[in-house]
Amino acid sequence: MMWLLNVVYVLIAVAIIVLVLMQRGAGAQAGSGFGAGASGTVFGARGASNFLSKSTKWLAVAFFAISLFMAWTAAHGVKPQQANLGLMSQAAAPAVPAGEVPAQQPSQPAAPNVPAAPPAPSASSAVPAPEKQAPQP
């Protein structure tokens, strides 16, 4: 149903664009007031401008009414859905029955079986670097 309203909405928008482009500007009507081109129109001297302006007005009213309705349905008609979190939904902590204390979990995961690194040499066992001697002249 909503897709049909979207199609009608787009068609009304295109029709408004076409009707606005078909209308003449304010300066173009000065010549038609003296009968220039009035005999070749279907609507008469003033009929075309009245028809186009009234059609544009009612299409604009329909456009804004549909806009308001669609905004209202977007704000009030949406039901919250459970999002698919994938792996994140499995990471939730299990529920603890009332009266029981949850077990403490380590803050870091246990390290895999990796051999310990050799200890770093201490400062006392370090061999001092030989001093550089200045060149003699």
Protein backbone atom coordinates (compact mmCIF):
# COMPACT_ATOMS: atom_id res chain seq x y z
CA MET A 1 0.00 0.00 0.00
CA MET A 2 2.78 2.42 0.90
CA TRP A 3 4.58 1.81 -2.39
CA LEU A 4 1.45 2.93 -4.26
CA LEU A 5 1.40 6.16 -2.27
CA ASN A 6 5.06 6.72 -3.13
CA VAL A 7 4.34 6.25 -6.85
CA VAL A 8 1.43 8.73 -6.69
CA TYR A 9 3.67 11.15 -4.78
CA VAL A 10 6.35 11.08 -7.48
CA LEU A 11 3.77 11.43 -10.28
CA ILE A 12 2.26 14.48 -8.58
CA ALA A 13 5.73 16.01 -8.21
CA VAL A 14 6.45 15.51 -11.93
CA ALA A 15 3.03 16.93 -12.86
CA ILE A 16 3.67 20.06 -10.76
CA ILE A 17 7.02 20.57 -12.50
CA VAL A 18 5.42 20.23 -15.93
CA LEU A 19 2.55 22.59 -15.10
CA VAL A 20 4.86 25.24 -13.69
CA LEU A 21 7.06 25.08 -16.79
CA MET A 22 4.00 25.38 -19.06
CA GLN A 23 2.83 28.62 -17.45
CA ARG A 24 3.92 31.92 -18.88
CA GLY A 25 5.72 34.55 -16.89
CA ALA A 26 4.13 37.88 -15.86
CA GLY A 27 5.70 39.77 -18.80
CA ALA A 28 4.38 37.34 -21.42
CA GLN A 29 0.75 38.01 -20.54
CA ALA A 30 0.85 41.67 -21.57
CA GLY A 31 0.60 40.82 -25.28
CA SER A 32 -2.09 38.20 -24.79
CA GLY A 33 -4.31 40.78 -23.08
CA PHE A 34 -4.79 42.53 -26.44
CA GLY A 35 -5.82 39.35 -28.21
CA ALA A 36 -2.43 38.16 -29.49
CA GLY A 37 -2.56 34.36 -29.78
CA ALA A 38 -5.96 34.04 -28.09
CA SER A 39 -7.65 32.54 -31.13
CA GLY A 40 -5.24 29.58 -31.26
CA THR A 41 -5.82 28.37 -27.70
CA VAL A 42 -8.26 25.71 -26.58
CA PHE A 43 -9.20 27.50 -23.37
CA GLY A 44 -9.62 31.03 -24.77
CA ALA A 45 -7.72 34.19 -23.83
CA ARG A 46 -7.77 33.66 -20.04
CA GLY A 47 -8.85 30.02 -19.79
CA ALA A 48 -5.38 28.47 -20.09
CA SER A 49 -3.85 30.53 -17.33
CA ASN A 50 -6.78 29.84 -15.01
CA PHE A 51 -6.70 26.11 -15.78
CA LEU A 52 -2.93 25.83 -15.29
CA SER A 53 -2.90 27.86 -12.07
CA LYS A 54 -5.85 25.97 -10.56
CA SER A 55 -4.36 22.61 -11.54
CA THR A 56 -1.02 23.60 -10.03
CA LYS A 57 -2.74 24.77 -6.84
CA TRP A 58 -4.66 21.51 -6.33
CA LEU A 59 -1.66 19.34 -7.17
CA ALA A 60 0.38 21.32 -4.62
CA VAL A 61 -2.33 20.77 -2.00
CA ALA A 62 -2.29 17.03 -2.73
CA PHE A 63 1.52 16.98 -2.66
CA PHE A 64 1.68 18.58 0.80
CA ALA A 65 -1.14 16.44 2.14
CA ILE A 66 0.66 13.26 1.06
CA SER A 67 3.91 14.62 2.51
CA LEU A 68 2.30 15.22 5.89
CA PHE A 69 0.61 11.82 5.87
CA MET A 70 3.84 10.02 5.00
CA ALA A 71 5.71 11.89 7.75
CA TRP A 72 3.00 11.00 10.28
CA THR A 73 3.05 7.32 9.34
CA ALA A 74 6.85 7.28 9.53
CA ALA A 75 6.75 8.72 13.04
CA HIS A 76 3.79 6.78 14.48
CA GLY A 77 3.28 3.71 12.36
CA VAL A 78 6.67 2.04 12.74
CA LYS A 79 6.78 -0.88 15.13
CA PRO A 80 10.16 -1.57 16.77
CA GLN A 81 11.73 -4.70 15.38
CA GLN A 82 14.33 -6.96 16.90
CA ALA A 83 17.55 -6.22 15.07
CA ASN A 84 19.67 -9.12 13.88
CA LEU A 85 22.94 -8.53 15.67
CA GLY A 86 24.65 -11.67 14.43
CA LEU A 87 27.50 -12.56 16.76
CA MET A 88 26.71 -9.67 19.08
CA SER A 89 23.42 -11.29 20.08
CA GLN A 90 25.34 -14.37 21.27
CA ALA A 91 27.68 -12.30 23.45
CA ALA A 92 24.94 -11.36 25.90
CA ALA A 93 25.48 -12.57 29.45
CA PRO A 94 23.22 -15.44 30.56
CA ALA A 95 20.43 -14.56 32.94
CA VAL A 96 21.13 -15.22 36.61
CA PRO A 97 18.25 -16.57 38.72
CA ALA A 98 17.13 -14.39 41.61
CA GLY A 99 19.10 -14.86 44.81
CA GLU A 100 22.26 -16.19 43.16
CA VAL A 101 25.47 -14.24 42.85
CA PRO A 102 26.98 -14.30 39.36
CA ALA A 103 30.44 -15.82 39.08
CA GLN A 104 33.29 -13.39 38.62
CA GLN A 105 34.66 -13.46 35.12
CA PRO A 106 38.27 -12.54 34.40
CA SER A 107 38.72 -9.12 32.86
CA GLN A 108 41.06 -10.55 30.24
CA PRO A 109 40.73 -13.83 28.40
CA ALA A 110 43.21 -16.57 29.23
CA ALA A 111 46.31 -16.51 27.07
CA PRO A 112 46.92 -19.49 24.79
CA ASN A 113 49.81 -21.86 25.54
CA VAL A 114 52.70 -19.69 24.41
CA PRO A 115 56.19 -20.13 25.85
CA ALA A 116 57.28 -17.26 28.04
CA ALA A 117 59.75 -14.80 26.59
CA PRO A 118 63.25 -14.79 28.09
CA PRO A 119 63.72 -12.11 30.76
CA ALA A 120 65.10 -8.78 29.64
CA PRO A 121 68.70 -8.09 30.73
CA SER A 122 68.96 -5.92 33.83
CA ALA A 123 70.83 -2.65 33.91
CA SER A 124 73.57 -4.06 36.19
CA SER A 125 74.49 -6.86 33.80
CA ALA A 126 74.66 -4.60 30.76
CA VAL A 127 78.14 -4.07 29.36
CA PRO A 128 79.02 -0.40 29.01
CA ALA A 129 79.68 0.80 25.50
CA PRO A 130 83.31 1.76 24.72
CA GLU A 131 83.93 5.50 24.80
CA LYS A 132 84.97 7.19 21.62
CA GLN A 133 88.23 8.96 21.71
CA ALA A 134 88.58 12.36 20.14
CA PRO A 135 91.05 12.49 17.23
CA GLN A 136 94.36 14.02 18.21
CA PRO A 137 96.00 16.65 16.01
